[in-house]
Structure formats: structure tokens, C-alpha cells
């Protein structure tokens, strides 16, 4: 698996969001970031990964993107 973020979010609501903004994706390409997010329950879950803004470097204290 070549994912940066993997989640298993059980959800019975279509309004469930997962906040992954404090993550470093090592790219600014939106389509590339989307490819790096995988939800194990993707076939039956409606959880949405909120990844914007994201960290600009691999340091937890780094500034976020603008």
C-alpha cells in the first residue's frame, strides 16, 4: 500500500468528516493528495477527509498551506 493516510471510519451518517489537516503529504498536487487517502470502509462509508490546509513540511510545528 502506498497511502499516506489510512482510516477505518465506521459511519451511519453522510455528514461524517475526518480532520487530517495536520498531515504532511509531501506534495501540493490536489489529485495526488486524494490518491494518498484511503478509508477501509470506503465502499459503505460516507466519511470525508478534510485535508486542506495541510502542513507544509514534515514537522508537526510547521506552518499550514495557504
Protein backbone atom coordinates (compact mmCIF):
# COMPACT_ATOMS: atom_id res chain seq x y z
CA UNK A 1 0.00 0.00 0.00
CA UNK A 2 1.38 3.40 -0.90
CA UNK A 3 -1.05 5.51 1.11
CA UNK A 4 -0.06 8.36 3.43
CA UNK A 5 -3.29 8.23 5.42
CA UNK A 6 -5.34 5.10 6.04
CA UNK A 7 -8.54 5.14 8.11
CA UNK A 8 -11.38 2.88 9.09
CA UNK A 9 -14.22 5.23 9.97
CA UNK A 10 -17.50 3.50 10.80
CA UNK A 11 -20.25 5.84 9.77
CA UNK A 12 -24.01 5.75 9.57
CA UNK A 13 -24.29 9.40 8.62
CA UNK A 14 -23.35 11.12 5.38
CA UNK A 15 -22.09 14.13 7.36
CA UNK A 16 -19.06 12.45 8.96
CA UNK A 17 -15.78 14.29 8.36
CA UNK A 18 -12.26 13.27 9.36
CA UNK A 19 -9.89 16.15 10.03
CA UNK A 20 -6.48 15.29 8.55
CA UNK A 21 -5.26 18.87 8.11
CA UNK A 22 -2.31 18.31 10.44
CA UNK A 23 -0.73 15.91 7.98
CA UNK A 24 2.22 16.36 5.60
CA UNK A 25 1.52 14.99 2.11
CA UNK A 26 4.93 15.83 0.51
CA UNK A 27 3.11 17.33 -2.49
CA UNK A 28 0.84 20.28 -3.30
CA UNK A 29 -0.94 18.48 -6.15
CA UNK A 30 -4.60 18.02 -5.06
CA UNK A 31 -5.17 14.89 -7.16
CA UNK A 32 -2.00 13.31 -5.75
CA UNK A 33 -3.14 14.03 -2.17
CA UNK A 34 -6.54 12.42 -2.87
CA UNK A 35 -4.77 9.28 -4.12
CA UNK A 36 -2.89 9.05 -0.81
CA UNK A 37 -6.05 8.88 1.34
CA UNK A 38 -7.83 5.55 1.77
CA UNK A 39 -10.74 4.60 4.01
CA UNK A 40 -11.03 0.85 4.66
CA UNK A 41 -14.80 1.34 4.85
CA UNK A 42 -14.86 3.33 1.61
CA UNK A 43 -17.40 1.03 -0.04
CA UNK A 44 -20.03 1.64 2.67
CA UNK A 45 -18.93 4.83 4.45
CA UNK A 46 -19.57 8.42 3.58
CA UNK A 47 -16.73 9.90 5.65
CA UNK A 48 -14.96 12.82 4.01
CA UNK A 49 -11.27 13.52 4.69
CA UNK A 50 -10.72 17.26 5.18
CA UNK A 51 -7.06 17.75 4.22
CA UNK A 52 -6.94 21.46 3.37
CA UNK A 53 -5.00 23.33 4.72
CA UNK A 54 -2.15 20.87 5.23
CA UNK A 55 1.30 21.06 6.80
CA UNK A 56 3.98 22.50 4.50
CA UNK A 57 6.83 20.36 5.87
CA UNK A 58 7.31 17.09 7.72
CA UNK A 59 7.44 18.88 11.09
CA UNK A 60 4.36 18.91 13.35
CA UNK A 61 5.03 22.59 14.15
CA UNK A 62 5.37 23.64 10.50
CA UNK A 63 3.09 26.31 9.04
CA UNK A 64 -0.01 25.25 7.12
CA UNK A 65 -0.62 25.87 3.43
CA UNK A 66 -2.43 28.98 2.30
